[in-house]
Amino acid sequence: MAREAREQAPRPFAVVYEIGDREDCEVAAYGLAFPDRAETTAVDDGHHTRSGSVEHALALYARFAAAENLRAHLVWLDGDTGGGTVAHDLATSPRNA
């Protein structure tokens, strides 16, 4: 049973905002990637979102960012990619809104 549960477990990730040019960062949300969707919970207010994919979840958080000096990054939290690996990033700008 444990093996079956591990094989079917969703993949954990975080959405992290990079502030400025690598000046600082802030975890915006934690999420779980399922085969058919991604679900996230915001750190600051517990807001829950459901998206069609992790890429869509990342794009959503990129739009949530208020300041133009933020970049949204997707960071995988499991060991499949070395743990804590940045997989995607999106700059928050009018073209991504």
N, C-alpha and C. Protein backbone atom coordinates (compact mmCIF):
# COMPACT_ATOMS: atom_id res chain seq x y z
N MET A 1 0.82 -1.20 0.00
CA MET A 1 0.00 0.00 0.00
C MET A 1 0.86 1.27 0.00
N ALA A 2 1.90 1.25 0.79
CA ALA A 2 2.75 2.45 0.87
C ALA A 2 3.39 2.75 -0.48
N ARG A 3 3.85 1.70 -1.17
CA ARG A 3 4.46 1.93 -2.48
C ARG A 3 3.45 2.51 -3.46
N GLU A 4 2.25 1.98 -3.46
CA GLU A 4 1.19 2.48 -4.34
C GLU A 4 0.88 3.95 -4.03
N ALA A 5 0.80 4.27 -2.75
CA ALA A 5 0.53 5.65 -2.34
C ALA A 5 1.66 6.58 -2.79
N ARG A 6 2.91 6.14 -2.63
CA ARG A 6 4.05 6.97 -3.06
C ARG A 6 4.05 7.18 -4.56
N GLU A 7 3.74 6.13 -5.32
CA GLU A 7 3.73 6.23 -6.78
C GLU A 7 2.65 7.17 -7.29
N GLN A 8 1.55 7.28 -6.56
CA GLN A 8 0.44 8.12 -7.01
C GLN A 8 0.42 9.49 -6.33
N ALA A 9 1.38 9.75 -5.47
CA ALA A 9 1.40 11.01 -4.73
C ALA A 9 1.62 12.20 -5.66
N PRO A 10 0.96 13.32 -5.37
CA PRO A 10 1.20 14.53 -6.17
C PRO A 10 2.60 15.06 -5.88
N ARG A 11 3.12 15.83 -6.82
CA ARG A 11 4.48 16.38 -6.70
C ARG A 11 4.43 17.75 -6.02
N PRO A 12 5.16 17.94 -4.91
CA PRO A 12 5.12 19.23 -4.20
C PRO A 12 5.99 20.29 -4.87
N PHE A 13 5.49 21.52 -4.83
CA PHE A 13 6.25 22.65 -5.39
C PHE A 13 5.94 23.91 -4.60
N ALA A 14 6.71 24.94 -4.84
CA ALA A 14 6.46 26.26 -4.26
C ALA A 14 6.51 27.29 -5.37
N VAL A 15 5.74 28.35 -5.20
CA VAL A 15 5.84 29.52 -6.06
C VAL A 15 6.59 30.56 -5.24
N VAL A 16 7.73 30.99 -5.75
CA VAL A 16 8.59 31.92 -5.02
C VAL A 16 8.76 33.19 -5.84
N TYR A 17 8.58 34.33 -5.17
CA TYR A 17 8.82 35.62 -5.83
C TYR A 17 10.26 36.03 -5.61
N GLU A 18 10.95 36.31 -6.69
CA GLU A 18 12.29 36.90 -6.64
C GLU A 18 12.08 38.41 -6.62
N ILE A 19 12.67 39.08 -5.65
CA ILE A 19 12.50 40.52 -5.50
C ILE A 19 13.74 41.21 -6.06
N GLY A 20 13.51 42.12 -7.01
CA GLY A 20 14.63 42.82 -7.64
C GLY A 20 15.49 41.85 -8.43
N ASP A 21 16.75 42.18 -8.55
CA ASP A 21 17.69 41.33 -9.28
C ASP A 21 18.38 40.40 -8.28
N ARG A 22 17.65 39.38 -7.83
CA ARG A 22 18.14 38.41 -6.84
C ARG A 22 18.49 39.07 -5.51
N GLU A 23 17.82 40.19 -5.20
CA GLU A 23 18.07 40.87 -3.95
C GLU A 23 17.51 40.09 -2.77
N ASP A 24 16.35 39.48 -2.98
CA ASP A 24 15.66 38.77 -1.90
C ASP A 24 14.62 37.87 -2.55
N CYS A 25 13.97 37.05 -1.74
CA CYS A 25 12.88 36.23 -2.27
C CYS A 25 11.84 36.02 -1.18
N GLU A 26 10.67 35.59 -1.61
CA GLU A 26 9.54 35.36 -0.71
C GLU A 26 8.72 34.20 -1.27
N VAL A 27 8.40 33.24 -0.41
CA VAL A 27 7.53 32.14 -0.83
C VAL A 27 6.11 32.67 -0.85
N ALA A 28 5.48 32.61 -2.02
CA ALA A 28 4.10 33.09 -2.18
C ALA A 28 3.09 31.99 -1.90
N ALA A 29 3.41 30.75 -2.31
CA ALA A 29 2.46 29.65 -2.16
C ALA A 29 3.17 28.31 -2.20
N TYR A 30 2.50 27.33 -1.64
CA TYR A 30 2.92 25.94 -1.76
C TYR A 30 1.86 25.21 -2.55
N GLY A 31 2.28 24.22 -3.33
CA GLY A 31 1.31 23.53 -4.16
C GLY A 31 1.61 22.07 -4.34
N LEU A 32 0.62 21.40 -4.94
CA LEU A 32 0.73 20.00 -5.30
C LEU A 32 0.37 19.86 -6.77
N ALA A 33 1.23 19.18 -7.51
CA ALA A 33 1.00 18.95 -8.94
C ALA A 33 0.44 17.54 -9.13
N PHE A 34 -0.77 17.47 -9.62
CA PHE A 34 -1.43 16.21 -9.96
C PHE A 34 -1.31 16.02 -11.47
N PRO A 35 -1.57 14.82 -11.99
CA PRO A 35 -1.47 14.62 -13.44
C PRO A 35 -2.38 15.54 -14.25
N ASP A 36 -3.54 15.91 -13.69
CA ASP A 36 -4.52 16.69 -14.45
C ASP A 36 -4.75 18.10 -13.92
N ARG A 37 -3.99 18.52 -12.90
CA ARG A 37 -4.22 19.84 -12.31
C ARG A 37 -3.10 20.19 -11.33
N ALA A 38 -3.11 21.44 -10.88
CA ALA A 38 -2.22 21.89 -9.81
C ALA A 38 -3.06 22.67 -8.81
N GLU A 39 -2.81 22.43 -7.54
CA GLU A 39 -3.51 23.15 -6.48
C GLU A 39 -2.49 23.87 -5.64
N THR A 40 -2.80 25.12 -5.27
CA THR A 40 -1.89 25.92 -4.46
C THR A 40 -2.62 26.52 -3.28
N THR A 41 -1.85 26.81 -2.24
CA THR A 41 -2.35 27.54 -1.07
C THR A 41 -1.37 28.67 -0.80
N ALA A 42 -1.88 29.90 -0.80
CA ALA A 42 -1.04 31.07 -0.57
C ALA A 42 -0.56 31.10 0.87
N VAL A 43 0.68 31.51 1.07
CA VAL A 43 1.28 31.57 2.39
C VAL A 43 0.65 32.67 3.23
N ASP A 44 0.43 33.84 2.65
CA ASP A 44 -0.01 34.99 3.44
C ASP A 44 -1.46 34.91 3.91
N ASP A 45 -2.36 34.38 3.09
CA ASP A 45 -3.78 34.39 3.49
C ASP A 45 -4.48 33.05 3.35
N GLY A 46 -3.77 32.01 2.95
CA GLY A 46 -4.37 30.69 2.82
C GLY A 46 -5.28 30.52 1.62
N HIS A 47 -5.28 31.50 0.72
CA HIS A 47 -6.13 31.42 -0.48
C HIS A 47 -5.78 30.18 -1.28
N HIS A 48 -6.79 29.43 -1.68
CA HIS A 48 -6.59 28.18 -2.42
C HIS A 48 -6.93 28.39 -3.89
N THR A 49 -6.07 27.91 -4.78
CA THR A 49 -6.36 27.98 -6.21
C THR A 49 -6.23 26.59 -6.82
N ARG A 50 -6.93 26.42 -7.91
CA ARG A 50 -6.85 25.17 -8.69
C ARG A 50 -6.68 25.57 -10.15
N SER A 51 -5.62 25.06 -10.77
CA SER A 51 -5.29 25.39 -12.15
C SER A 51 -5.16 24.11 -12.96
N GLY A 52 -5.17 24.26 -14.27
CA GLY A 52 -5.05 23.11 -15.16
C GLY A 52 -3.66 22.50 -15.19
N SER A 53 -2.64 23.26 -14.76
CA SER A 53 -1.25 22.77 -14.77
C SER A 53 -0.41 23.67 -13.86
N VAL A 54 0.81 23.22 -13.57
CA VAL A 54 1.70 24.06 -12.76
C VAL A 54 2.07 25.33 -13.50
N GLU A 55 2.17 25.25 -14.82
CA GLU A 55 2.48 26.45 -15.61
C GLU A 55 1.38 27.49 -15.48
N HIS A 56 0.13 27.05 -15.48
CA HIS A 56 -0.98 27.98 -15.30
C HIS A 56 -1.00 28.55 -13.88
N ALA A 57 -0.68 27.73 -12.90
CA ALA A 57 -0.61 28.22 -11.52
C ALA A 57 0.48 29.28 -11.39
N LEU A 58 1.63 29.03 -12.00
CA LEU A 58 2.72 30.00 -11.97
C LEU A 58 2.32 31.31 -12.64
N ALA A 59 1.66 31.21 -13.78
CA ALA A 59 1.20 32.42 -14.49
C ALA A 59 0.21 33.20 -13.63
N LEU A 60 -0.65 32.49 -12.90
CA LEU A 60 -1.61 33.16 -12.03
C LEU A 60 -0.90 33.95 -10.94
N TYR A 61 0.09 33.34 -10.30
CA TYR A 61 0.83 34.05 -9.25
C TYR A 61 1.67 35.19 -9.81
N ALA A 62 2.13 35.05 -11.04
CA ALA A 62 2.84 36.16 -11.68
C ALA A 62 1.91 37.36 -11.81
N ARG A 63 0.63 37.10 -12.11
CA ARG A 63 -0.34 38.20 -12.22
C ARG A 63 -0.71 38.76 -10.85
N PHE A 64 -0.67 37.92 -9.80
CA PHE A 64 -0.97 38.39 -8.45
C PHE A 64 0.07 39.39 -7.95
N ALA A 65 1.30 39.29 -8.43
CA ALA A 65 2.38 40.14 -7.94
C ALA A 65 2.07 41.60 -8.24
N ALA A 66 2.14 42.43 -7.21
CA ALA A 66 1.79 43.84 -7.36
C ALA A 66 2.95 44.68 -7.89
N ALA A 67 4.14 44.38 -7.44
CA ALA A 67 5.30 45.20 -7.81
C ALA A 67 5.93 44.71 -9.11
N GLU A 68 6.40 45.63 -9.91
CA GLU A 68 7.01 45.27 -11.19
C GLU A 68 8.40 44.66 -11.04
N ASN A 69 8.98 44.74 -9.85
CA ASN A 69 10.33 44.19 -9.67
C ASN A 69 10.29 42.75 -9.14
N LEU A 70 9.16 42.05 -9.29
CA LEU A 70 9.04 40.66 -8.85
C LEU A 70 9.05 39.72 -10.04
N ARG A 71 9.66 38.56 -9.85
CA ARG A 71 9.59 37.46 -10.82
C ARG A 71 9.06 36.25 -10.08
N ALA A 72 8.11 35.57 -10.68
CA ALA A 72 7.55 34.36 -10.08
C ALA A 72 8.33 33.15 -10.59
N HIS A 73 8.74 32.29 -9.66
CA HIS A 73 9.49 31.08 -9.99
C HIS A 73 8.75 29.86 -9.47
N LEU A 74 8.80 28.77 -10.20
CA LEU A 74 8.29 27.48 -9.74
C LEU A 74 9.47 26.68 -9.24
N VAL A 75 9.41 26.25 -7.98
CA VAL A 75 10.50 25.49 -7.36
C VAL A 75 9.96 24.13 -6.95
N TRP A 76 10.48 23.06 -7.54
CA TRP A 76 10.08 21.70 -7.16
C TRP A 76 10.70 21.37 -5.81
N LEU A 77 9.93 20.77 -4.92
CA LEU A 77 10.39 20.50 -3.56
C LEU A 77 10.73 19.04 -3.31
N ASP A 78 10.57 18.19 -4.30
CA ASP A 78 10.87 16.77 -4.11
C ASP A 78 12.28 16.45 -4.58
N GLY A 79 12.67 15.22 -4.42
CA GLY A 79 14.02 14.81 -4.79
C GLY A 79 14.19 14.46 -6.25
N ASP A 80 13.10 14.48 -7.04
CA ASP A 80 13.20 14.07 -8.44
C ASP A 80 14.14 14.94 -9.26
N THR A 81 14.26 16.20 -8.91
CA THR A 81 15.14 17.10 -9.67
C THR A 81 16.21 17.69 -8.77
N GLY A 82 16.61 16.95 -7.76
CA GLY A 82 17.65 17.44 -6.88
C GLY A 82 17.10 18.22 -5.70
N GLY A 83 15.79 18.38 -5.61
CA GLY A 83 15.18 19.10 -4.49
C GLY A 83 15.44 20.58 -4.58
N GLY A 84 14.40 21.36 -4.55
CA GLY A 84 14.54 22.80 -4.57
C GLY A 84 15.00 23.36 -5.90
N THR A 85 14.77 22.65 -6.97
CA THR A 85 15.20 23.09 -8.29
C THR A 85 14.20 24.05 -8.91
N VAL A 86 14.68 25.19 -9.38
CA VAL A 86 13.81 26.14 -10.07
C VAL A 86 13.54 25.59 -11.46
N ALA A 87 12.27 25.39 -11.75
CA ALA A 87 11.89 24.78 -13.03
C ALA A 87 11.43 25.80 -14.05
N HIS A 88 10.70 26.78 -13.62
CA HIS A 88 10.14 27.79 -14.52
C HIS A 88 10.20 29.14 -13.82
N ASP A 89 10.22 30.20 -14.58
CA ASP A 89 10.04 31.51 -13.99
C ASP A 89 9.31 32.40 -14.98
N LEU A 90 8.58 33.35 -14.43
CA LEU A 90 7.86 34.33 -15.23
C LEU A 90 8.10 35.71 -14.65
N ALA A 91 8.47 36.64 -15.47
CA ALA A 91 8.59 38.02 -15.02
C ALA A 91 7.20 38.61 -14.95
N THR A 92 6.95 39.41 -13.94
CA THR A 92 5.68 40.11 -13.87
C THR A 92 5.84 41.41 -14.62
N SER A 93 5.11 41.53 -15.68
CA SER A 93 5.15 42.73 -16.50
C SER A 93 3.85 42.81 -17.27
N PRO A 94 3.55 43.95 -17.88
CA PRO A 94 2.30 44.07 -18.63
C PRO A 94 2.11 42.99 -19.69
N ARG A 95 3.19 42.49 -20.30
CA ARG A 95 3.01 41.47 -21.34
C ARG A 95 2.59 40.13 -20.76
N ASN A 96 2.84 39.89 -19.47
CA ASN A 96 2.44 38.64 -18.83
C ASN A 96 1.12 38.77 -18.09
N ALA A 97 0.57 39.95 -18.03
CA ALA A 97 -0.67 40.16 -17.27
C ALA A 97 -1.87 39.70 -18.05
